[in-house]
Every structure is written in structure tokens, then in C-alpha cells.
Amino acid sequence: MAIRVTLDRVLLERRMSLTELSDRVGVTLANLSILKTGKAKAVRFSTLEALCRELGCQPGDILIFDEEGDGAAEGEDEAAA
């Protein structure tokens, strides 16, 4: 899949932990971790809306279309994928 999740980068820019984001949006830490690592197959619009609201960003700041990519999370080693 050519969609990459850049939640790590956005969290780093906001100086926010995944645990803090989980508490703020009401999504389990496990589910956010799956999204962050690029292993999610889908994301609900309500979840995306909550993430954008709490992070003060747009969906395009979290999700990137990479036609040549394999969908791995940003910074993930391709050999490990």
C-alpha cells in the first residue's frame, strides 16, 4: 500500500507522547501504536478527526501518499518490513 503514516513526526513536532495522545483522543494505546507503525489497514474518519483536532493538524500531515513506497511507517527500515 502506498499510504504512509507520519504520526511519529507529528508527535515529535508537538512534543507529545503516544500515551498522552491516547488519553486525549480516547483511542487505545495499542490501536494508536498500530496506526503509528504503519500496520493499520484502515482508519475511521472519527479517529482521524480526533487526531487532527488534538494535534492541530490536517489529515495530510498524518497520511502521505507515496506511489513508490510500500506503506511502511516513516523511518522504518525497509528490510524489516
PDB file of N, CA and C in Angstrom:
ATOM      1  N   MET A   1       0.857  -1.177   0.000  1.00  0.00           N
ATOM      2  CA  MET A   1       0.000   0.000   0.000  1.00  0.00           C
ATOM      3  C   MET A   1       0.900   1.235   0.000  1.00  0.00           C
ATOM      4  N   ALA A   2       0.505   2.251  -0.682  1.00  0.00           N
ATOM      5  CA  ALA A   2       1.328   3.434  -0.866  1.00  0.00           C
ATOM      6  C   ALA A   2       0.973   4.573   0.088  1.00  0.00           C
ATOM      7  N   ILE A   3       0.202   4.283   1.115  1.00  0.00           N
ATOM      8  CA  ILE A   3      -0.118   5.306   2.114  1.00  0.00           C
ATOM      9  C   ILE A   3       0.839   5.141   3.285  1.00  0.00           C
ATOM     10  N   ARG A   4       1.539   6.212   3.629  1.00  0.00           N
ATOM     11  CA  ARG A   4       2.448   6.187   4.779  1.00  0.00           C
ATOM     12  C   ARG A   4       1.860   7.019   5.905  1.00  0.00           C
ATOM     13  N   VAL A   5       2.059   6.568   7.120  1.00  0.00           N
ATOM     14  CA  VAL A   5       1.596   7.279   8.303  1.00  0.00           C
ATOM     15  C   VAL A   5       2.796   7.981   8.932  1.00  0.00           C
ATOM     16  N   THR A   6       2.674   9.277   9.152  1.00  0.00           N
ATOM     17  CA  THR A   6       3.777  10.065   9.708  1.00  0.00           C
ATOM     18  C   THR A   6       3.430  10.593  11.097  1.00  0.00           C
ATOM     19  N   LEU A   7       2.686   9.801  11.839  1.00  0.00           N
ATOM     20  CA  LEU A   7       2.262  10.206  13.179  1.00  0.00           C
ATOM     21  C   LEU A   7       3.467  10.436  14.094  1.00  0.00           C
ATOM     22  N   ASP A   8       4.518   9.637  13.946  1.00  0.00           N
ATOM     23  CA  ASP A   8       5.739   9.827  14.746  1.00  0.00           C
ATOM     24  C   ASP A   8       6.276  11.247  14.609  1.00  0.00           C
ATOM     25  N   ARG A   9       6.368  11.703  13.368  1.00  0.00           N
ATOM     26  CA  ARG A   9       6.915  13.037  13.097  1.00  0.00           C
ATOM     27  C   ARG A   9       6.045  14.125  13.705  1.00  0.00           C
ATOM     28  N   VAL A  10       4.730  13.990  13.549  1.00  0.00           N
ATOM     29  CA  VAL A  10       3.803  14.991  14.085  1.00  0.00           C
ATOM     30  C   VAL A  10       3.867  15.013  15.610  1.00  0.00           C
ATOM     31  N   LEU A  11       3.930  13.838  16.237  1.00  0.00           N
ATOM     32  CA  LEU A  11       4.043  13.780  17.691  1.00  0.00           C
ATOM     33  C   LEU A  11       5.344  14.418  18.169  1.00  0.00           C
ATOM     34  N   LEU A  12       6.426  14.157  17.460  1.00  0.00           N
ATOM     35  CA  LEU A  12       7.715  14.743  17.817  1.00  0.00           C
ATOM     36  C   LEU A  12       7.669  16.267  17.717  1.00  0.00           C
ATOM     37  N   GLU A  13       7.070  16.767  16.643  1.00  0.00           N
ATOM     38  CA  GLU A  13       6.945  18.220  16.452  1.00  0.00           C
ATOM     39  C   GLU A  13       6.104  18.855  17.553  1.00  0.00           C
ATOM     40  N   ARG A  14       5.101  18.120  18.049  1.00  0.00           N
ATOM     41  CA  ARG A  14       4.204  18.643  19.095  1.00  0.00           C
ATOM     42  C   ARG A  14       4.719  18.343  20.502  1.00  0.00           C
ATOM     43  N   ARG A  15       5.830  17.589  20.571  1.00  0.00           N
ATOM     44  CA  ARG A  15       6.402  17.163  21.859  1.00  0.00           C
ATOM     45  C   ARG A  15       5.352  16.471  22.726  1.00  0.00           C
ATOM     46  N   MET A  16       4.659  15.532  22.085  1.00  0.00           N
ATOM     47  CA  MET A  16       3.586  14.807  22.749  1.00  0.00           C
ATOM     48  C   MET A  16       3.883  13.311  22.662  1.00  0.00           C
ATOM     49  N   SER A  17       3.614  12.602  23.729  1.00  0.00           N
ATOM     50  CA  SER A  17       3.809  11.148  23.722  1.00  0.00           C
ATOM     51  C   SER A  17       2.569  10.461  23.149  1.00  0.00           C
ATOM     52  N   LEU A  18       2.760   9.236  22.725  1.00  0.00           N
ATOM     53  CA  LEU A  18       1.642   8.451  22.217  1.00  0.00           C
ATOM     54  C   LEU A  18       0.634   8.203  23.338  1.00  0.00           C
ATOM     55  N   THR A  19       1.123   8.038  24.553  1.00  0.00           N
ATOM     56  CA  THR A  19       0.240   7.828  25.706  1.00  0.00           C
ATOM     57  C   THR A  19      -0.637   9.057  25.951  1.00  0.00           C
ATOM     58  N   GLU A  20      -0.036  10.233  25.886  1.00  0.00           N
ATOM     59  CA  GLU A  20      -0.807  11.468  26.075  1.00  0.00           C
ATOM     60  C   GLU A  20      -1.854  11.626  24.976  1.00  0.00           C
ATOM     61  N   LEU A  21      -1.477  11.341  23.743  1.00  0.00           N
ATOM     62  CA  LEU A  21      -2.427  11.430  22.634  1.00  0.00           C
ATOM     63  C   LEU A  21      -3.566  10.442  22.833  1.00  0.00           C
ATOM     64  N   SER A  22      -3.242   9.246  23.268  1.00  0.00           N
ATOM     65  CA  SER A  22      -4.261   8.226  23.528  1.00  0.00           C
ATOM     66  C   SER A  22      -5.279   8.721  24.549  1.00  0.00           C
ATOM     67  N   ASP A  23      -4.792   9.312  25.621  1.00  0.00           N
ATOM     68  CA  ASP A  23      -5.690   9.853  26.654  1.00  0.00           C
ATOM     69  C   ASP A  23      -6.568  10.969  26.105  1.00  0.00           C
ATOM     70  N   ARG A  24      -6.006  11.810  25.274  1.00  0.00           N
ATOM     71  CA  ARG A  24      -6.751  12.967  24.743  1.00  0.00           C
ATOM     72  C   ARG A  24      -7.827  12.582  23.733  1.00  0.00           C
ATOM     73  N   VAL A  25      -7.548  11.576  22.891  1.00  0.00           N
ATOM     74  CA  VAL A  25      -8.498  11.239  21.824  1.00  0.00           C
ATOM     75  C   VAL A  25      -9.400  10.059  22.168  1.00  0.00           C
ATOM     76  N   GLY A  26      -9.080   9.343  23.249  1.00  0.00           N
ATOM     77  CA  GLY A  26      -9.927   8.217  23.637  1.00  0.00           C
ATOM     78  C   GLY A  26      -9.760   6.997  22.761  1.00  0.00           C
ATOM     79  N   VAL A  27      -8.585   6.834  22.181  1.00  0.00           N
ATOM     80  CA  VAL A  27      -8.259   5.657  21.382  1.00  0.00           C
ATOM     81  C   VAL A  27      -7.194   4.898  22.156  1.00  0.00           C
ATOM     82  N   THR A  28      -7.312   3.564  22.194  1.00  0.00           N
ATOM     83  CA  THR A  28      -6.362   2.794  22.982  1.00  0.00           C
ATOM     84  C   THR A  28      -4.938   2.984  22.481  1.00  0.00           C
ATOM     85  N   LEU A  29      -4.004   2.835  23.410  1.00  0.00           N
ATOM     86  CA  LEU A  29      -2.589   2.942  23.072  1.00  0.00           C
ATOM     87  C   LEU A  29      -2.202   1.894  22.035  1.00  0.00           C
ATOM     88  N   ALA A  30      -2.759   0.699  22.166  1.00  0.00           N
ATOM     89  CA  ALA A  30      -2.472  -0.377  21.211  1.00  0.00           C
ATOM     90  C   ALA A  30      -2.912   0.000  19.798  1.00  0.00           C
ATOM     91  N   ASN A  31      -4.108   0.572  19.659  1.00  0.00           N
ATOM     92  CA  ASN A  31      -4.603   0.951  18.332  1.00  0.00           C
ATOM     93  C   ASN A  31      -3.797   2.105  17.737  1.00  0.00           C
ATOM     94  N   LEU A  32      -3.411   3.066  18.567  1.00  0.00           N
ATOM     95  CA  LEU A  32      -2.577   4.165  18.062  1.00  0.00           C
ATOM     96  C   LEU A  32      -1.198   3.657  17.654  1.00  0.00           C
ATOM     97  N   SER A  33      -0.678   2.691  18.385  1.00  0.00           N
ATOM     98  CA  SER A  33       0.614   2.105  18.045  1.00  0.00           C
ATOM     99  C   SER A  33       0.564   1.407  16.691  1.00  0.00           C
ATOM    100  N   ILE A  34      -0.523   0.690  16.440  1.00  0.00           N
ATOM    101  CA  ILE A  34      -0.711   0.033  15.138  1.00  0.00           C
ATOM    102  C   ILE A  34      -0.760   1.063  14.025  1.00  0.00           C
ATOM    103  N   LEU A  35      -1.451   2.157  14.263  1.00  0.00           N
ATOM    104  CA  LEU A  35      -1.525   3.235  13.268  1.00  0.00           C
ATOM    105  C   LEU A  35      -0.159   3.863  13.066  1.00  0.00           C
ATOM    106  N   LYS A  36       0.534   4.154  14.165  1.00  0.00           N
ATOM    107  CA  LYS A  36       1.828   4.825  14.108  1.00  0.00           C
ATOM    108  C   LYS A  36       2.881   4.003  13.365  1.00  0.00           C
ATOM    109  N   THR A  37       2.851   2.698  13.536  1.00  0.00           N
ATOM    110  CA  THR A  37       3.846   1.841  12.896  1.00  0.00           C
ATOM    111  C   THR A  37       3.510   1.507  11.445  1.00  0.00           C
ATOM    112  N   GLY A  38       2.374   1.997  10.959  1.00  0.00           N
ATOM    113  CA  GLY A  38       2.008   1.760   9.563  1.00  0.00           C
ATOM    114  C   GLY A  38       1.378   0.405   9.323  1.00  0.00           C
ATOM    115  N   LYS A  39       0.979  -0.293  10.381  1.00  0.00           N
ATOM    116  CA  LYS A  39       0.393  -1.623  10.236  1.00  0.00           C
ATOM    117  C   LYS A  39      -1.127  -1.606  10.135  1.00  0.00           C
ATOM    118  N   ALA A  40      -1.728  -0.444  10.307  1.00  0.00           N
ATOM    119  CA  ALA A  40      -3.189  -0.336  10.216  1.00  0.00           C
ATOM    120  C   ALA A  40      -3.626  -0.487   8.764  1.00  0.00           C
ATOM    121  N   LYS A  41      -4.719  -1.177   8.571  1.00  0.00           N
ATOM    122  CA  LYS A  41      -5.290  -1.358   7.226  1.00  0.00           C
ATOM    123  C   LYS A  41      -6.356  -0.315   6.932  1.00  0.00           C
ATOM    124  N   ALA A  42      -6.855   0.353   7.973  1.00  0.00           N
ATOM    125  CA  ALA A  42      -7.911   1.352   7.809  1.00  0.00           C
ATOM    126  C   ALA A  42      -7.883   2.289   9.006  1.00  0.00           C
ATOM    127  N   VAL A  43      -8.493   3.440   8.840  1.00  0.00           N
ATOM    128  CA  VAL A  43      -8.651   4.380   9.946  1.00  0.00           C
ATOM    129  C   VAL A  43     -10.024   5.027   9.807  1.00  0.00           C
ATOM    130  N   ARG A  44     -10.751   5.096  10.883  1.00  0.00           N
ATOM    131  CA  ARG A  44     -12.076   5.722  10.856  1.00  0.00           C
ATOM    132  C   ARG A  44     -11.920   7.233  10.729  1.00  0.00           C
ATOM    133  N   PHE A  45     -12.851   7.849  10.034  1.00  0.00           N
ATOM    134  CA  PHE A  45     -12.828   9.309   9.924  1.00  0.00           C
ATOM    135  C   PHE A  45     -12.949   9.960  11.292  1.00  0.00           C
ATOM    136  N   SER A  46     -13.733   9.353  12.190  1.00  0.00           N
ATOM    137  CA  SER A  46     -13.883   9.934  13.525  1.00  0.00           C
ATOM    138  C   SER A  46     -12.548   9.914  14.276  1.00  0.00           C
ATOM    139  N   THR A  47     -11.757   8.863  14.086  1.00  0.00           N
ATOM    140  CA  THR A  47     -10.429   8.793  14.708  1.00  0.00           C
ATOM    141  C   THR A  47      -9.505   9.817  14.091  1.00  0.00           C
ATOM    142  N   LEU A  48      -9.509   9.908  12.775  1.00  0.00           N
ATOM    143  CA  LEU A  48      -8.674  10.885  12.078  1.00  0.00           C
ATOM    144  C   LEU A  48      -9.045  12.309  12.492  1.00  0.00           C
ATOM    145  N   GLU A  49     -10.327  12.560  12.631  1.00  0.00           N
ATOM    146  CA  GLU A  49     -10.808  13.877  13.076  1.00  0.00           C
ATOM    147  C   GLU A  49     -10.300  14.193  14.483  1.00  0.00           C
ATOM    148  N   ALA A  50     -10.399  13.222  15.389  1.00  0.00           N
ATOM    149  CA  ALA A  50      -9.939  13.434  16.764  1.00  0.00           C
ATOM    150  C   ALA A  50      -8.430  13.670  16.811  1.00  0.00           C
ATOM    151  N   LEU A  51      -7.679  12.911  16.013  1.00  0.00           N
ATOM    152  CA  LEU A  51      -6.223  13.100  15.958  1.00  0.00           C
ATOM    153  C   LEU A  51      -5.875  14.500  15.466  1.00  0.00           C
ATOM    154  N   CYS A  52      -6.519  14.918  14.397  1.00  0.00           N
ATOM    155  CA  CYS A  52      -6.252  16.249  13.831  1.00  0.00           C
ATOM    156  C   CYS A  52      -6.640  17.354  14.812  1.00  0.00           C
ATOM    157  N   ARG A  53      -7.746  17.183  15.498  1.00  0.00           N
ATOM    158  CA  ARG A  53      -8.190  18.184  16.469  1.00  0.00           C
ATOM    159  C   ARG A  53      -7.157  18.326  17.584  1.00  0.00           C
ATOM    160  N   GLU A  54      -6.712  17.215  18.147  1.00  0.00           N
ATOM    161  CA  GLU A  54      -5.779  17.254  19.275  1.00  0.00           C
ATOM    162  C   GLU A  54      -4.369  17.659  18.861  1.00  0.00           C
ATOM    163  N   LEU A  55      -3.972  17.309  17.649  1.00  0.00           N
ATOM    164  CA  LEU A  55      -2.624  17.635  17.182  1.00  0.00           C
ATOM    165  C   LEU A  55      -2.567  18.977  16.456  1.00  0.00           C
ATOM    166  N   GLY A  56      -3.728  19.570  16.195  1.00  0.00           N
ATOM    167  CA  GLY A  56      -3.767  20.850  15.488  1.00  0.00           C
ATOM    168  C   GLY A  56      -3.175  20.744  14.096  1.00  0.00           C
ATOM    169  N   CYS A  57      -3.599  19.711  13.369  1.00  0.00           N
ATOM    170  CA  CYS A  57      -3.041  19.484  12.038  1.00  0.00           C
ATOM    171  C   CYS A  57      -4.142  19.098  11.051  1.00  0.00           C
ATOM    172  N   GLN A  58      -3.748  18.862   9.828  1.00  0.00           N
ATOM    173  CA  GLN A  58      -4.640  18.414   8.771  1.00  0.00           C
ATOM    174  C   GLN A  58      -4.383  16.931   8.502  1.00  0.00           C
ATOM    175  N   PRO A  59      -5.360  16.198   7.939  1.00  0.00           N
ATOM    176  CA  PRO A  59      -5.144  14.779   7.640  1.00  0.00           C
ATOM    177  C   PRO A  59      -3.886  14.529   6.799  1.00  0.00           C
ATOM    178  N   GLY A  60      -3.589  15.433   5.900  1.00  0.00           N
ATOM    179  CA  GLY A  60      -2.396  15.296   5.061  1.00  0.00           C
ATOM    180  C   GLY A  60      -1.094  15.428   5.821  1.00  0.00           C
ATOM    181  N   ASP A  61      -1.150  15.910   7.052  1.00  0.00           N
ATOM    182  CA  ASP A  61       0.048  15.969   7.889  1.00  0.00           C
ATOM    183  C   ASP A  61       0.347  14.609   8.515  1.00  0.00           C
ATOM    184  N   ILE A  62      -0.668  13.755   8.588  1.00  0.00           N
ATOM    185  CA  ILE A  62      -0.539  12.438   9.213  1.00  0.00           C
ATOM    186  C   ILE A  62      -0.430  11.330   8.169  1.00  0.00           C
ATOM    187  N   LEU A  63      -1.140  11.488   7.057  1.00  0.00           N
ATOM    188  CA  LEU A  63      -1.178  10.480   5.997  1.00  0.00           C
ATOM    189  C   LEU A  63      -0.561  11.037   4.723  1.00  0.00           C
ATOM    190  N   ILE A  64       0.358  10.284   4.143  1.00  0.00           N
ATOM    191  CA  ILE A  64       1.040  10.722   2.923  1.00  0.00           C
ATOM    192  C   ILE A  64       0.923   9.628   1.869  1.00  0.00           C
ATOM    193  N   PHE A  65       0.611  10.024   0.642  1.00  0.00           N
ATOM    194  CA  PHE A  65       0.574   9.084  -0.473  1.00  0.00           C
ATOM    195  C   PHE A  65       1.964   9.032  -1.090  1.00  0.00           C
ATOM    196  N   ASP A  66       2.549   7.833  -1.104  1.00  0.00           N
ATOM    197  CA  ASP A  66       3.886   7.618  -1.656  1.00  0.00           C
ATOM    198  C   ASP A  66       3.762   6.517  -2.702  1.00  0.00           C
ATOM    199  N   GLU A  67       3.630   6.914  -3.936  1.00  0.00           N
ATOM    200  CA  GLU A  67       3.366   5.967  -5.017  1.00  0.00           C
ATOM    201  C   GLU A  67       4.408   4.859  -5.110  1.00  0.00           C
ATOM    202  N   GLU A  68       5.647   5.174  -4.772  1.00  0.00           N
ATOM    203  CA  GLU A  68       6.707   4.174  -4.869  1.00  0.00           C
ATOM    204  C   GLU A  68       6.964   3.462  -3.546  1.00  0.00           C
ATOM    205  N   GLY A  69       6.280   3.901  -2.484  1.00  0.00           N
ATOM    206  CA  GLY A  69       6.506   3.316  -1.164  1.00  0.00           C
ATOM    207  C   GLY A  69       5.751   2.030  -0.960  1.00  0.00           C
ATOM    208  N   ASP A  70       6.073   1.368   0.149  1.00  0.00           N
ATOM    209  CA  ASP A  70       5.400   0.119   0.474  1.00  0.00           C
ATOM    210  C   ASP A  70       4.449   0.272   1.645  1.00  0.00           C
ATOM    211  N   GLY A  71       4.242   1.529   2.101  1.00  0.00           N
ATOM    212  CA  GLY A  71       3.313   1.762   3.193  1.00  0.00           C
ATOM    213  C   GLY A  71       3.949   1.694   4.558  1.00  0.00           C
ATOM    214  N   ALA A  72       5.261   1.449   4.623  1.00  0.00           N
ATOM    215  CA  ALA A  72       5.950   1.367   5.907  1.00  0.00           C
ATOM    216  C   ALA A  72       5.924   2.733   6.589  1.00  0.00           C
ATOM    217  N   ALA A  73       5.930   2.711   7.891  1.00  0.00           N
ATOM    218  CA  ALA A  73       5.960   3.952   8.660  1.00  0.00           C
ATOM    219  C   ALA A  73       7.241   4.693   8.372  1.00  0.00           C
ATOM    220  N   GLU A  74       7.184   6.007   8.461  1.00  0.00           N
ATOM    221  CA  GLU A  74       8.346   6.838   8.220  1.00  0.00           C
ATOM    222  C   GLU A  74       9.474   6.431   9.146  1.00  0.00           C
ATOM    223  N   GLY A  75      10.661   6.222   8.592  1.00  0.00           N
ATOM    224  CA  GLY A  75      11.809   5.876   9.393  1.00  0.00           C
ATOM    225  C   GLY A  75      11.963   4.373   9.614  1.00  0.00           C
ATOM    226  N   GLU A  76      11.000   3.574   9.191  1.00  0.00           N
ATOM    227  CA  GLU A  76      11.089   2.133   9.383  1.00  0.00           C
ATOM    228  C   GLU A  76      12.014   1.551   8.328  1.00  0.00           C
ATOM    229  N   ASP A  77      12.896   0.674   8.733  1.00  0.00           N
ATOM    230  CA  ASP A  77      13.851   0.041   7.829  1.00  0.00           C
ATOM    231  C   ASP A  77      13.098  -0.864   6.867  1.00  0.00           C
ATOM    232  N   GLU A  78      13.348  -0.704   5.560  1.00  0.00           N
ATOM    233  CA  GLU A  78      12.626  -1.479   4.566  1.00  0.00           C
ATOM    234  C   GLU A  78      12.933  -2.972   4.675  1.00  0.00           C
ATOM    235  N   ALA A  79      14.130  -3.326   5.141  1.00  0.00           N
ATOM    236  CA  ALA A  79      14.477  -4.739   5.276  1.00  0.00           C
ATOM    237  C   ALA A  79      13.657  -5.414   6.361  1.00  0.00           C
ATOM    238  N   ALA A  80      13.200  -4.636   7.334  1.00  0.00           N
ATOM    239  CA  ALA A  80      12.401  -5.198   8.418  1.00  0.00           C
ATOM    240  C   ALA A  80      10.945  -5.353   8.040  1.00  0.00           C
ATOM    241  N   ALA A  81      10.528  -4.724   6.964  1.00  0.00           N
ATOM    242  CA  ALA A  81       9.117  -4.722   6.571  1.00  0.00           C
ATOM    243  C   ALA A  81       8.675  -6.042   5.992  1.00  0.00           C
TER     244      ALA A  81
END
